Amino acid sequence: MSSGNLLFLLVLLLGPLVSISAPNWMICWVGLELSFLGAIPLLLTDNSYMSLSKESVMKYFCIQALGSGLLMLGGIMYYMDPGLYWISEFIFLFSLFTKLGVFPMHFWVPGVTAGLNWLPMFILLAWQKIPPFAFLVNMLEGSSWCSSIVLFSGGMSALIGSVIGLNQTSLRAMLGSSSIVHTGWGCIGAVFGSLWVYFFIYCISFMVLMILLTLGHSLLAGFGILSLSGLPPFMMFAGKWMVLKSVLFSSSSIMFLILPIVGALFSLFFYLKFFYSFYLSSSFIKSETKFLGISSLAFVTLSGVLMLFCF
């Protein structure tokens, strides 16, 4: 790795830490922009001739620049005229939805992820969402009326992301649609207090899938895709169980769970479709890698069951 890429990687890693530990919204915004500026050069490292990554990165840059500008505009409006706090908070929410890819600003996610490699996809769909989620949690703590909007947008994201995924034939675009679904569940967890557990489990599951896809293990990658669905034996089931438990323990209306649960049922169709495709295209595991394959499959399968005992 060159010294320039090492510097950008350091900025990428420190940006979310600055946002999480920020004492005010301005420093949180600075951490968010540090992470964004550190990610752009790393996403442009693909030098293959027919690559679509540069086009995808330019789309991502334009969308994130729009979200950053709206975020700054909302803060300036709040301090110039505190009487219009509800307008500034709405602009805040709209900018965070733009950065996270939440309904109604979800349209850019499948198109951007369709041209990315596996490592840039993990940076975009997992690591880059930590600062906006930290911003969203801090905003929900000081504003009660925003919770209903976040719950509605999260439920619609879980539903619409699953519908978009049904029409995808590209694995990368399907993972982008899956990210919309999981971000919607994360928004619901942000309201009821189980966001970081869910997001940590999602990052672990997604990272395992990216590693398996990079190594070319078709069968294990198929089970990794199935793990993202949240079926009971797999890891993501523990995250969704935590969100459901937080909603039920908060004595809130169960109506908020209808859209995410219906979206989870729809998303099972395209998860199973890609799992079957990987399963049928996989070859038999060689004898020297049999132990590695069995142990990896057992970890992905049983980790969700083990985590339920912890929660």
Protein backbone atom coordinates (compact mmCIF):
# COMPACT_ATOMS: atom_id res chain seq x y z
CA MET A 1 0.00 0.00 0.00
CA SER A 2 1.35 3.41 -0.95
CA SER A 3 1.88 6.17 1.60
CA GLY A 4 -1.01 8.17 0.09
CA ASN A 5 -3.46 5.30 0.45
CA LEU A 6 -2.24 4.72 4.00
CA LEU A 7 -2.99 8.35 4.83
CA PHE A 8 -6.48 8.13 3.31
CA LEU A 9 -7.10 4.88 5.19
CA LEU A 10 -6.12 6.58 8.46
CA VAL A 11 -8.51 9.46 7.73
CA LEU A 12 -11.25 6.95 6.88
CA LEU A 13 -10.77 5.13 10.18
CA LEU A 14 -10.57 8.27 12.33
CA GLY A 15 -13.65 9.98 10.83
CA PRO A 16 -16.29 7.83 12.59
CA LEU A 17 -14.34 8.03 15.86
CA VAL A 18 -14.47 11.83 15.69
CA SER A 19 -18.21 11.74 14.95
CA ILE A 20 -19.03 9.35 17.80
CA SER A 21 -16.99 11.31 20.37
CA ALA A 22 -18.05 14.78 19.13
CA PRO A 23 -19.39 17.22 21.77
CA ASN A 24 -21.53 19.16 19.27
CA TRP A 25 -23.03 18.80 15.81
CA MET A 26 -20.29 20.82 14.08
CA ILE A 27 -17.51 18.45 15.17
CA CYS A 28 -19.77 15.51 14.29
CA TRP A 29 -20.17 17.01 10.82
CA VAL A 30 -16.38 17.39 10.53
CA GLY A 31 -15.88 13.71 11.41
CA LEU A 32 -18.48 12.72 8.84
CA GLU A 33 -16.69 14.72 6.14
CA LEU A 34 -13.30 13.30 7.13
CA SER A 35 -14.62 9.79 6.65
CA PHE A 36 -16.17 10.77 3.32
CA LEU A 37 -13.03 12.45 1.97
CA GLY A 38 -10.86 9.54 3.09
CA ALA A 39 -13.11 7.01 1.35
CA ILE A 40 -13.25 8.61 -2.10
CA PRO A 41 -9.57 8.02 -3.07
CA LEU A 42 -9.72 4.45 -1.73
CA LEU A 43 -12.81 3.76 -3.83
CA LEU A 44 -10.92 4.92 -6.95
CA THR A 45 -8.11 2.36 -6.64
CA ASP A 46 -9.60 -0.01 -9.25
CA ASN A 47 -7.49 0.37 -12.42
CA SER A 48 -9.09 -2.28 -14.64
CA TYR A 49 -9.93 -1.07 -18.14
CA MET A 50 -13.63 -1.95 -18.28
CA SER A 51 -14.36 -1.11 -14.65
CA LEU A 52 -17.50 0.82 -13.70
CA SER A 53 -16.13 1.78 -10.29
CA LYS A 54 -15.13 5.32 -11.27
CA GLU A 55 -18.62 6.08 -12.53
CA SER A 56 -20.10 4.64 -9.34
CA VAL A 57 -17.72 6.67 -7.17
CA MET A 58 -18.67 9.88 -9.01
CA LYS A 59 -22.36 9.14 -8.39
CA TYR A 60 -21.59 8.47 -4.73
CA PHE A 61 -19.56 11.69 -4.47
CA CYS A 62 -22.38 13.83 -5.90
CA ILE A 63 -25.03 12.30 -3.62
CA GLN A 64 -22.87 12.60 -0.50
CA ALA A 65 -21.91 16.19 -1.37
CA LEU A 66 -25.62 17.01 -1.60
CA GLY A 67 -26.22 15.42 1.80
CA SER A 68 -23.31 17.31 3.36
CA GLY A 69 -24.55 20.62 1.98
CA LEU A 70 -28.06 20.02 3.31
CA LEU A 71 -26.62 19.07 6.69
CA MET A 72 -24.69 22.33 6.92
CA LEU A 73 -27.73 24.29 5.70
CA GLY A 74 -29.91 22.79 8.45
CA GLY A 75 -27.37 23.72 11.14
CA ILE A 76 -27.00 27.29 9.86
CA MET A 77 -30.77 27.76 9.72
CA TYR A 78 -31.16 26.47 13.28
CA TYR A 79 -28.68 28.95 14.74
CA MET A 80 -29.82 31.89 12.62
CA ASP A 81 -33.49 31.51 13.57
CA PRO A 82 -34.24 29.02 16.40
CA GLY A 83 -37.96 29.66 15.89
CA LEU A 84 -37.80 27.61 12.70
CA TYR A 85 -36.25 24.63 14.45
CA TRP A 86 -38.71 22.16 12.89
CA ILE A 87 -37.65 23.21 9.35
CA SER A 88 -33.98 22.86 10.21
CA GLU A 89 -34.56 19.47 11.84
CA PHE A 90 -36.45 18.30 8.77
CA ILE A 91 -33.51 19.34 6.58
CA PHE A 92 -31.21 17.50 9.01
CA LEU A 93 -33.29 14.34 8.64
CA PHE A 94 -33.45 14.65 4.86
CA SER A 95 -29.67 15.02 4.64
CA LEU A 96 -29.07 11.99 6.88
CA PHE A 97 -31.53 9.94 4.83
CA THR A 98 -29.56 10.97 1.73
CA LYS A 99 -26.28 9.80 3.23
CA LEU A 100 -27.70 6.54 4.57
CA GLY A 101 -29.80 5.66 1.52
CA VAL A 102 -33.09 5.60 3.45
CA PHE A 103 -36.51 6.12 1.86
CA PRO A 104 -37.21 8.46 0.05
CA MET A 105 -33.49 8.97 -0.82
CA HIS A 106 -32.73 5.31 -1.46
CA PHE A 107 -32.56 5.45 -5.25
CA TRP A 108 -28.77 5.83 -5.55
CA VAL A 109 -27.70 2.72 -3.62
CA PRO A 110 -28.21 -0.11 -6.20
CA GLY A 111 -26.77 1.96 -9.05
CA VAL A 112 -23.64 2.85 -7.09
CA THR A 113 -22.96 -0.62 -5.71
CA ALA A 114 -23.44 -2.25 -9.13
CA GLY A 115 -20.02 -1.00 -10.26
CA LEU A 116 -17.93 -1.51 -7.11
CA ASN A 117 -15.56 -4.27 -6.06
CA TRP A 118 -16.02 -6.15 -2.80
CA LEU A 119 -13.74 -4.10 -0.51
CA PRO A 120 -15.05 -0.69 -1.67
CA MET A 121 -18.57 -2.08 -1.29
CA PHE A 122 -17.88 -2.95 2.36
CA ILE A 123 -16.51 0.56 2.97
CA LEU A 124 -19.56 2.18 1.38
CA LEU A 125 -22.32 -0.03 2.82
CA ALA A 126 -20.93 -0.64 6.31
CA TRP A 127 -18.16 1.65 7.54
CA GLN A 128 -19.45 4.86 5.94
CA LYS A 129 -22.80 4.52 7.70
CA ILE A 130 -21.38 4.82 11.22
CA PRO A 131 -21.16 8.68 11.32
CA PRO A 132 -24.68 9.29 9.88
CA PHE A 133 -26.15 6.78 12.33
CA ALA A 134 -24.32 8.49 15.22
CA PHE A 135 -25.73 11.81 14.01
CA LEU A 136 -29.23 10.29 13.79
CA VAL A 137 -29.08 8.86 17.33
CA ASN A 138 -28.00 12.21 18.79
CA MET A 139 -30.76 13.98 16.90
CA LEU A 140 -33.45 11.57 18.10
CA GLU A 141 -32.39 12.10 21.71
CA GLY A 142 -33.23 15.82 21.48
CA SER A 143 -36.28 15.70 19.21
CA SER A 144 -39.42 13.69 19.90
CA TRP A 145 -41.41 14.45 16.75
CA CYS A 146 -38.66 13.07 14.46
CA SER A 147 -39.12 9.54 15.80
CA SER A 148 -42.33 8.93 13.85
CA ILE A 149 -40.72 10.09 10.60
CA VAL A 150 -37.68 7.86 11.18
CA LEU A 151 -39.90 4.86 11.97
CA PHE A 152 -41.99 5.38 8.85
CA SER A 153 -38.94 5.90 6.62
CA GLY A 154 -37.23 2.85 8.16
CA GLY A 155 -40.27 0.65 7.55
CA MET A 156 -40.65 1.88 3.98
CA SER A 157 -36.93 1.31 3.35
CA ALA A 158 -37.24 -2.29 4.55
CA LEU A 159 -40.22 -2.83 2.24
CA ILE A 160 -39.03 -0.95 -0.86
CA GLY A 161 -35.50 -2.35 -0.61
CA SER A 162 -36.90 -5.88 -0.70
CA VAL A 163 -39.07 -5.02 -3.72
CA ILE A 164 -36.06 -3.55 -5.55
CA GLY A 165 -34.02 -6.66 -4.74
CA LEU A 166 -36.65 -8.90 -6.35
CA ASN A 167 -35.90 -7.34 -9.74
CA GLN A 168 -32.10 -7.62 -9.55
CA THR A 169 -30.01 -10.13 -11.48
CA SER A 170 -26.64 -8.63 -10.44
CA LEU A 171 -25.17 -9.73 -7.13
CA ARG A 172 -23.72 -6.28 -6.44
CA ALA A 173 -27.02 -4.50 -7.08
CA MET A 174 -28.78 -7.09 -4.91
CA LEU A 175 -26.38 -6.37 -2.04
CA GLY A 176 -27.18 -2.67 -2.45
CA SER A 177 -30.89 -3.45 -2.17
CA SER A 178 -30.13 -5.60 0.87
CA SER A 179 -28.31 -2.64 2.40
CA ILE A 180 -31.45 -0.51 2.01
CA VAL A 181 -33.42 -3.17 3.90
CA HIS A 182 -30.89 -3.42 6.72
CA THR A 183 -30.57 0.36 6.98
CA GLY A 184 -34.33 0.53 7.45
CA TRP A 185 -34.09 -1.97 10.32
CA GLY A 186 -31.21 0.12 11.70
CA CYS A 187 -33.42 3.24 11.70
CA ILE A 188 -36.02 1.38 13.76
CA GLY A 189 -33.26 0.28 16.13
CA ALA A 190 -32.05 3.89 16.39
CA VAL A 191 -35.46 4.93 17.74
CA PHE A 192 -35.80 2.09 20.27
CA GLY A 193 -32.18 1.72 21.36
CA SER A 194 -30.79 -1.41 19.68
CA LEU A 195 -29.08 0.18 16.67
CA TRP A 196 -25.44 -0.51 17.44
CA VAL A 197 -25.96 -4.19 18.28
CA TYR A 198 -27.83 -4.69 15.01
CA PHE A 199 -25.33 -2.70 12.98
CA PHE A 200 -22.34 -4.52 14.50
CA ILE A 201 -23.85 -7.90 13.61
CA TYR A 202 -24.62 -6.66 10.10
CA CYS A 203 -21.04 -5.45 9.63
CA ILE A 204 -19.65 -8.82 10.79
CA SER A 205 -21.98 -10.77 8.48
CA PHE A 206 -21.27 -8.49 5.54
CA MET A 207 -17.51 -8.62 6.12
CA VAL A 208 -17.57 -12.44 6.20
CA LEU A 209 -19.52 -12.45 2.92
CA MET A 210 -17.05 -10.05 1.27
CA ILE A 211 -14.11 -12.23 2.35
CA LEU A 212 -15.77 -15.37 0.98
CA LEU A 213 -16.59 -13.66 -2.31
CA THR A 214 -13.01 -12.41 -2.61
CA LEU A 215 -11.64 -15.91 -1.97
CA GLY A 216 -14.07 -17.41 -4.48
CA HIS A 217 -15.75 -20.00 -2.22
CA SER A 218 -19.10 -20.29 -4.01
CA LEU A 219 -20.85 -22.60 -1.54
CA LEU A 220 -19.79 -20.66 1.55
CA ALA A 221 -20.57 -17.35 -0.17
CA GLY A 222 -24.06 -18.70 -0.84
CA PHE A 223 -24.51 -19.41 2.86
CA GLY A 224 -23.10 -15.96 3.60
CA ILE A 225 -25.79 -14.41 1.40
CA LEU A 226 -28.41 -16.52 3.13
CA SER A 227 -27.03 -15.33 6.47
CA LEU A 228 -27.95 -11.73 5.59
CA SER A 229 -31.61 -12.74 5.34
CA GLY A 230 -31.93 -13.13 9.11
CA LEU A 231 -33.20 -16.69 9.15
CA PRO A 232 -33.16 -18.15 12.69
CA PRO A 233 -29.96 -20.25 12.57
CA PHE A 234 -27.85 -17.44 11.12
CA MET A 235 -26.13 -14.47 12.68
CA MET A 236 -28.47 -11.70 11.46
CA PHE A 237 -31.41 -13.33 13.23
CA ALA A 238 -29.91 -12.22 16.55
CA GLY A 239 -29.79 -8.61 15.31
CA LYS A 240 -33.38 -8.62 14.09
CA TRP A 241 -34.45 -10.32 17.29
CA MET A 242 -32.86 -7.50 19.29
CA VAL A 243 -34.76 -4.87 17.27
CA LEU A 244 -38.05 -6.74 17.67
CA LYS A 245 -37.45 -7.18 21.39
CA SER A 246 -36.66 -3.48 21.83
CA VAL A 247 -39.89 -2.47 20.06
CA LEU A 248 -42.00 -4.87 22.11
CA PHE A 249 -40.39 -3.87 25.43
CA SER A 250 -40.99 -0.18 24.71
CA SER A 251 -44.79 -0.71 24.79
CA SER A 252 -45.08 0.99 21.39
CA SER A 253 -47.62 0.15 18.74
CA ILE A 254 -46.94 -3.08 16.89
CA MET A 255 -47.98 -1.30 13.67
CA PHE A 256 -44.38 -0.09 13.30
CA LEU A 257 -43.30 -3.71 12.78
CA ILE A 258 -45.66 -4.57 9.93
CA LEU A 259 -43.63 -2.97 7.14
CA PRO A 260 -40.22 -4.38 8.25
CA ILE A 261 -41.61 -7.89 8.72
CA VAL A 262 -43.34 -7.86 5.31
CA GLY A 263 -40.11 -6.55 3.78
CA ALA A 264 -38.15 -9.35 5.46
CA LEU A 265 -40.51 -11.91 3.92
CA PHE A 266 -40.15 -10.40 0.45
CA SER A 267 -36.35 -10.22 0.77
CA LEU A 268 -36.19 -13.97 1.43
CA PHE A 269 -37.11 -14.55 -2.23
CA PHE A 270 -34.03 -12.90 -3.70
CA TYR A 271 -31.73 -14.20 -0.95
CA LEU A 272 -32.84 -17.75 -1.74
CA LYS A 273 -32.56 -17.08 -5.48
CA PHE A 274 -28.91 -16.07 -5.23
CA PHE A 275 -28.20 -18.84 -2.71
CA TYR A 276 -29.51 -21.44 -5.17
CA SER A 277 -27.39 -19.90 -7.92
CA PHE A 278 -24.22 -20.10 -5.83
CA TYR A 279 -25.09 -23.56 -4.55
CA LEU A 280 -25.65 -25.02 -8.02
CA SER A 281 -22.49 -23.39 -9.43
CA SER A 282 -20.23 -24.55 -6.59
CA SER A 283 -17.85 -27.46 -6.97
CA PHE A 284 -17.10 -30.07 -4.34
CA ILE A 285 -14.81 -28.91 -1.58
CA LYS A 286 -11.33 -30.33 -1.97
CA SER A 287 -9.96 -32.59 0.74
CA GLU A 288 -7.29 -30.12 1.86
CA THR A 289 -9.86 -27.33 2.38
CA LYS A 290 -12.65 -29.50 3.75
CA PHE A 291 -11.93 -28.69 7.40
CA LEU A 292 -11.79 -24.95 6.67
CA GLY A 293 -15.08 -25.09 4.79
CA ILE A 294 -16.91 -27.07 7.46
CA SER A 295 -15.61 -24.88 10.29
CA SER A 296 -16.53 -21.66 8.44
CA LEU A 297 -20.01 -22.96 7.66
CA ALA A 298 -20.52 -24.01 11.28
CA PHE A 299 -19.45 -20.56 12.47
CA VAL A 300 -21.81 -18.71 10.12
CA THR A 301 -24.67 -21.07 10.96
CA LEU A 302 -24.36 -21.44 14.72
CA SER A 303 -23.21 -17.94 15.64
CA GLY A 304 -26.77 -16.61 15.55
CA VAL A 305 -27.92 -19.32 17.95
CA LEU A 306 -25.01 -18.66 20.30
CA MET A 307 -25.60 -14.91 20.29
CA LEU A 308 -29.22 -15.41 21.33
CA PHE A 309 -28.01 -16.85 24.64
CA CYS A 310 -25.92 -13.69 25.17
CA PHE A 311 -28.88 -11.39 24.49
